[in-house]
Structures are given as structure tokens and as C-alpha cells.
Amino acid sequence: MEPHEIGIPPTPRGRVAERGLRGMLVRRLLWVPSLRGLLLLFLVLCLGLMVFVRGIHPFLAIHRPHNRGVLIVEGWLSDEDSEQVAELYQRGQYVALLTTGGPIHALSRRAAHGTYAQLSANQLAKLGITPEEIFVIPAPQADRDRTLAAARALGIWWAAEGAGWAYADLVTAGPHARRSWILYRSVLDEQVDLGVVGLQGRSYDAAQWWKTSAGFRTVFAEVIAYAYVKVTGY
């Protein structure tokens, strides 16, 4: 008789598993990690978490501009962001600036502007951008997928008015950049070579975003939104 561990009956050769309750239950041998295996798994998970925490913000806040052609601005950006946009436009070799965005809520203190596209255009004109170089492309009312609605409105305008512009940069707020870039590229398709600028705000330190509530909320909201775009396509 072959030796076996105390308390565990030997399994006859060729017998895969024991069955009971008229075949409704089956007894099998199960491999489980040892203490060493659990420690290794824990270390791998910790390493994966560190890579995620360090790498997710640069991934979302993608920065890949052409610095020429047309600058496309998402109109809901803050006043601070608008200042960065104005500096970017004046430094780059841009020939026109397009503002996008849908209606502003009637109870907002900025409701008088009508749309975020118009709000952004007004802000940038005050910051020194020549009004003749600003094109306002308002989007229709959208209760959801507002970025996609703005991109589609721009796509319709571009098909009629944008011929001759081979390059453009989309500028938006930090971690929102990759999602917006995906949606705008899907709409503009091959009409233009679209770059992207993810502005870095001052509400939190991008290199240590997890240390502040503002950074934590912003990044995880964009992680979920990015996953939604990848799953649904919009």
C-alpha cells in the first residue's frame, strides 16, 4: 500500500473524483496558495497598485499637441484654464480658435452667455485673442454624453467650414483629455489630424493626486468615464 497523509483516505488510481447526492455533488482535490504564495500575491498586487497610482494620471491627462493649425477648446473650462489656453494659442502657430459646448443652465451665474461655447469665446477675447479668429460652435442640449454632443456639433460644422485645415489641437482639463480626445477623433475621423493638450490645473498636485480629495475625485471619475467610453464606444 502506498503511503498517504493521515486522515485523508487514498484515492484509487484512475478515479477522478467522488460523487454524492445522485451526482449533484462532487469531491475534488483543491490547490490553495501557501503562506509563501500569499505573500507573493500580495507583493504583486501592491506593485500593480503602485504602477496604477503613478501612471493613471499621465495616461488620462495625455499631452500630444501639434502646436499649429486650429485650437479647439472645450467651453466649460475654468477661468484659470482659459488663461492657459490664451497663452497656448499665442505661443503656438495657430490660425484659428474654435470653442465648443452646449447650453448653460438657466440658474447658473453665467447663464447670460447662453452656451459654454459662447462663454469661452467671450473669456478668450478678453484675454487678448482677436475676435475674428474665434469661431463659436454651440452644441445642442444634452442630458448625457455632453462631450460627444459637442464633438458631433463640431463635426457637422467642420464638414461644412473646416476644409483646408489639416491639423488641430483639442485642449481640455487634465484627466479629461484622453476621453475627449477619443470622442472628438471618432467624430472628426479623417477630416483632420487631431492632437491634444491636457491642461494642468492648480487644485491639486498631479504628481500626487491621491493625497487630496479634489485629485482623488477627479481621477477616479475620469477612470470610470474612460472605461464607459471604451465599453460603449461613446
Protein backbone atom coordinates (compact mmCIF):
# COMPACT_ATOMS: atom_id res chain seq x y z
CA MET A 1 0.00 0.00 0.00
CA GLU A 2 1.27 3.45 -0.94
CA PRO A 3 1.87 5.89 1.92
CA HIS A 4 -0.63 8.72 2.33
CA GLU A 5 -1.32 11.59 4.73
CA ILE A 6 -3.08 10.74 7.99
CA GLY A 7 -6.80 11.48 7.90
CA ILE A 8 -7.04 11.58 4.09
CA PRO A 9 -8.13 8.31 2.52
CA PRO A 10 -6.21 7.26 -0.59
CA THR A 11 -7.88 7.85 -3.94
CA PRO A 12 -7.90 4.74 -6.13
CA ARG A 13 -5.90 5.04 -9.35
CA GLY A 14 -7.98 6.26 -12.26
CA ARG A 15 -10.70 7.65 -10.03
CA VAL A 16 -11.06 11.40 -10.75
CA ALA A 17 -13.49 12.40 -8.02
CA GLU A 18 -16.08 11.09 -5.59
CA ARG A 19 -19.73 11.89 -6.25
CA GLY A 20 -22.68 12.07 -3.94
CA LEU A 21 -26.37 13.01 -3.74
CA ARG A 22 -27.10 11.22 -7.00
CA GLY A 23 -24.31 13.04 -8.80
CA MET A 24 -25.32 16.53 -7.63
CA LEU A 25 -22.15 16.91 -5.55
CA VAL A 26 -18.57 16.13 -6.48
CA ARG A 27 -15.49 15.93 -4.29
CA ARG A 28 -12.21 17.11 -5.79
CA LEU A 29 -8.74 17.96 -4.60
CA LEU A 30 -8.20 21.74 -4.48
CA TRP A 31 -4.91 23.62 -4.75
CA VAL A 32 -4.66 26.65 -2.45
CA PRO A 33 -1.77 29.10 -2.09
CA SER A 34 0.68 28.57 0.72
CA LEU A 35 1.84 31.36 3.01
CA ARG A 36 4.73 31.99 0.63
CA GLY A 37 2.31 32.08 -2.29
CA LEU A 38 0.01 34.50 -0.47
CA LEU A 39 2.93 36.81 0.28
CA LEU A 40 3.99 36.75 -3.36
CA LEU A 41 0.43 37.50 -4.48
CA PHE A 42 0.25 40.39 -2.01
CA LEU A 43 3.52 41.84 -3.31
CA VAL A 44 2.33 41.56 -6.92
CA LEU A 45 -0.93 43.33 -6.05
CA CYS A 46 0.94 46.09 -4.21
CA LEU A 47 3.27 46.57 -7.18
CA GLY A 48 0.30 46.70 -9.56
CA LEU A 49 -1.41 49.27 -7.36
CA MET A 50 1.72 51.43 -7.28
CA VAL A 51 2.02 51.31 -11.06
CA PHE A 52 -1.64 52.25 -11.41
CA VAL A 53 -1.47 55.15 -8.95
CA ARG A 54 1.70 56.57 -10.52
CA GLY A 55 0.70 56.03 -14.11
CA ILE A 56 -3.04 56.69 -14.37
CA HIS A 57 -2.88 60.49 -14.24
CA PRO A 58 -0.30 60.88 -17.06
CA PHE A 59 -2.31 58.34 -19.05
CA LEU A 60 -5.57 60.25 -18.70
CA ALA A 61 -4.06 63.75 -18.93
CA ILE A 62 -2.49 63.00 -22.30
CA HIS A 63 -0.40 65.76 -23.85
CA ARG A 64 0.32 65.27 -27.55
CA PRO A 65 -0.07 68.59 -29.39
CA HIS A 66 0.86 69.70 -32.91
CA ASN A 67 1.17 73.36 -31.81
CA ARG A 68 -0.18 74.50 -35.16
CA GLY A 69 -3.35 74.66 -37.22
CA VAL A 70 -6.55 75.12 -35.24
CA LEU A 71 -7.05 75.12 -31.47
CA ILE A 72 -10.31 73.51 -30.30
CA VAL A 73 -11.38 74.50 -26.79
CA GLU A 74 -13.98 72.80 -24.60
CA GLY A 75 -16.02 75.75 -23.37
CA TRP A 76 -16.68 74.62 -19.82
CA LEU A 77 -13.05 75.21 -18.77
CA SER A 78 -12.40 77.41 -15.74
CA ASP A 79 -11.13 80.99 -15.85
CA GLU A 80 -7.69 79.72 -14.84
CA ASP A 81 -7.74 77.19 -17.67
CA SER A 82 -8.80 79.89 -20.12
CA GLU A 83 -5.69 81.87 -19.23
CA GLN A 84 -3.56 78.86 -20.11
CA VAL A 85 -5.50 78.45 -23.37
CA ALA A 86 -4.83 82.07 -24.34
CA GLU A 87 -1.10 81.65 -23.65
CA LEU A 88 -1.02 78.40 -25.60
CA TYR A 89 -2.76 79.98 -28.60
CA GLN A 90 -0.45 82.97 -28.65
CA ARG A 91 2.70 80.80 -28.35
CA GLY A 92 1.69 78.27 -30.99
CA GLN A 93 1.36 78.57 -34.73
CA TYR A 94 -2.42 78.56 -34.71
CA VAL A 95 -4.60 80.31 -37.28
CA ALA A 96 -7.99 79.95 -35.61
CA LEU A 97 -9.61 79.05 -32.30
CA LEU A 98 -12.85 77.05 -32.07
CA THR A 99 -14.94 76.95 -28.88
CA THR A 100 -17.44 74.16 -28.21
CA GLY A 101 -20.10 73.45 -25.61
CA GLY A 102 -23.83 73.26 -25.01
CA PRO A 103 -26.37 75.43 -23.18
CA ILE A 104 -25.59 76.81 -19.72
CA HIS A 105 -28.16 76.03 -17.02
CA ALA A 106 -30.64 78.87 -16.57
CA LEU A 107 -29.85 79.20 -12.85
CA SER A 108 -26.09 79.50 -13.40
CA ARG A 109 -24.45 82.85 -12.79
CA ARG A 110 -23.06 82.53 -16.32
CA ALA A 111 -26.43 81.88 -17.97
CA ALA A 112 -26.32 85.23 -19.79
CA HIS A 113 -23.69 83.79 -22.15
CA GLY A 114 -26.18 81.22 -23.45
CA THR A 115 -23.76 78.39 -24.18
CA TYR A 116 -20.39 77.30 -22.89
CA ALA A 117 -19.04 77.79 -26.39
CA GLN A 118 -20.01 81.46 -26.27
CA LEU A 119 -18.78 81.82 -22.69
CA SER A 120 -15.35 80.52 -23.64
CA ALA A 121 -15.20 82.78 -26.71
CA ASN A 122 -16.01 85.82 -24.57
CA GLN A 123 -13.38 84.90 -21.96
CA LEU A 124 -10.67 84.35 -24.57
CA ALA A 125 -11.49 87.61 -26.35
CA LYS A 126 -10.99 89.43 -23.04
CA LEU A 127 -7.64 87.69 -22.68
CA GLY A 128 -6.38 89.14 -25.93
CA ILE A 129 -7.41 86.69 -28.65
CA THR A 130 -8.55 88.51 -31.78
CA PRO A 131 -12.36 88.02 -32.01
CA GLU A 132 -12.13 87.46 -35.77
CA GLU A 133 -10.01 84.37 -35.11
CA ILE A 134 -12.58 82.83 -32.73
CA PHE A 135 -15.33 80.58 -34.10
CA VAL A 136 -18.20 79.61 -31.79
CA ILE A 137 -19.68 76.15 -32.37
CA PRO A 138 -22.51 75.62 -29.85
CA ALA A 139 -23.83 72.15 -29.13
CA PRO A 140 -27.50 71.22 -28.57
CA GLN A 141 -28.95 70.44 -25.16
CA ALA A 142 -27.82 67.02 -23.90
CA ASP A 143 -28.70 65.43 -20.57
CA ARG A 144 -25.92 62.87 -21.00
CA ASP A 145 -22.85 62.37 -23.20
CA ARG A 146 -22.34 66.13 -23.43
CA THR A 147 -18.77 65.76 -24.68
CA LEU A 148 -19.98 63.58 -27.53
CA ALA A 149 -22.75 66.06 -28.35
CA ALA A 150 -20.20 68.88 -28.54
CA ALA A 151 -17.91 66.76 -30.73
CA ARG A 152 -20.76 65.94 -33.12
CA ALA A 153 -21.74 69.60 -33.40
CA LEU A 154 -18.13 70.41 -34.25
CA GLY A 155 -18.04 67.57 -36.78
CA ILE A 156 -21.06 68.96 -38.62
CA TRP A 157 -19.51 72.44 -38.65
CA TRP A 158 -16.12 71.12 -39.73
CA ALA A 159 -17.56 69.23 -42.69
CA ALA A 160 -19.04 72.49 -43.99
CA GLU A 161 -16.44 75.07 -42.93
CA GLY A 162 -13.22 73.35 -41.91
CA ALA A 163 -11.81 72.30 -45.27
CA GLY A 164 -8.17 73.23 -45.66
CA TRP A 165 -7.22 72.82 -42.01
CA ALA A 166 -5.03 69.73 -41.81
CA TYR A 167 -4.01 69.98 -38.15
CA ALA A 168 -5.80 70.81 -34.93
CA ASP A 169 -5.25 70.50 -31.19
CA LEU A 170 -8.01 69.79 -28.70
CA VAL A 171 -7.43 71.49 -25.36
CA THR A 172 -9.25 70.46 -22.19
CA ALA A 173 -8.74 69.93 -18.47
CA GLY A 174 -6.13 67.39 -17.29
CA PRO A 175 -7.52 63.87 -16.83
CA HIS A 176 -10.49 64.65 -19.07
CA ALA A 177 -8.13 64.88 -22.04
CA ARG A 178 -7.90 61.25 -23.15
CA ARG A 179 -11.67 60.68 -23.10
CA SER A 180 -12.38 63.90 -25.01
CA TRP A 181 -9.62 63.11 -27.49
CA ILE A 182 -11.12 59.68 -28.20
CA LEU A 183 -14.60 61.12 -28.78
CA TYR A 184 -13.51 64.06 -30.92
CA ARG A 185 -11.27 61.84 -33.04
CA SER A 186 -14.11 59.37 -33.56
CA VAL A 187 -16.32 62.17 -34.90
CA LEU A 188 -13.76 64.09 -36.95
CA ASP A 189 -12.40 60.79 -38.28
CA GLU A 190 -10.01 61.54 -41.15
CA GLN A 191 -11.03 65.18 -41.62
CA VAL A 192 -8.11 66.45 -39.53
CA ASP A 193 -5.01 65.21 -37.70
CA LEU A 194 -6.09 65.89 -34.12
CA GLY A 195 -3.60 66.47 -31.31
CA VAL A 196 -4.48 67.03 -27.67
CA VAL A 197 -3.45 69.21 -24.74
CA GLY A 198 -4.31 68.21 -21.18
CA LEU A 199 -4.07 71.36 -19.09
CA GLN A 200 -2.66 71.01 -15.59
CA GLY A 201 -4.80 72.80 -13.03
CA ARG A 202 -3.77 74.07 -9.61
CA SER A 203 -6.48 72.50 -7.47
CA TYR A 204 -4.22 69.51 -6.77
CA ASP A 205 -0.70 68.24 -7.44
CA ALA A 206 -0.89 65.96 -10.48
CA ALA A 207 2.18 64.00 -9.32
CA GLN A 208 0.45 63.19 -6.01
CA TRP A 209 -3.22 63.36 -6.96
CA TRP A 210 -4.24 60.68 -4.43
CA LYS A 211 -3.30 62.91 -1.48
CA THR A 212 -6.16 65.39 -1.97
CA SER A 213 -9.91 64.90 -2.20
CA ALA A 214 -10.07 67.04 -5.36
CA GLY A 215 -7.46 64.93 -7.09
CA PHE A 216 -8.97 61.65 -5.92
CA ARG A 217 -12.48 62.57 -7.07
CA THR A 218 -11.31 63.92 -10.41
CA VAL A 219 -9.10 60.98 -11.34
CA PHE A 220 -11.49 58.23 -10.32
CA ALA A 221 -14.43 59.94 -12.02
CA GLU A 222 -12.40 60.07 -15.22
CA VAL A 223 -11.27 56.44 -14.85
CA ILE A 224 -14.94 55.38 -14.73
CA ALA A 225 -15.85 57.70 -17.62
CA TYR A 226 -12.94 56.41 -19.71
CA ALA A 227 -13.98 52.81 -19.08
CA TYR A 228 -17.54 53.73 -20.11
CA VAL A 229 -16.30 55.21 -23.39
CA LYS A 230 -14.17 52.15 -24.15
CA VAL A 231 -17.04 49.77 -23.44
CA THR A 232 -19.85 51.65 -25.18
CA GLY A 233 -17.88 53.47 -27.85
CA TYR A 234 -19.26 56.84 -26.70
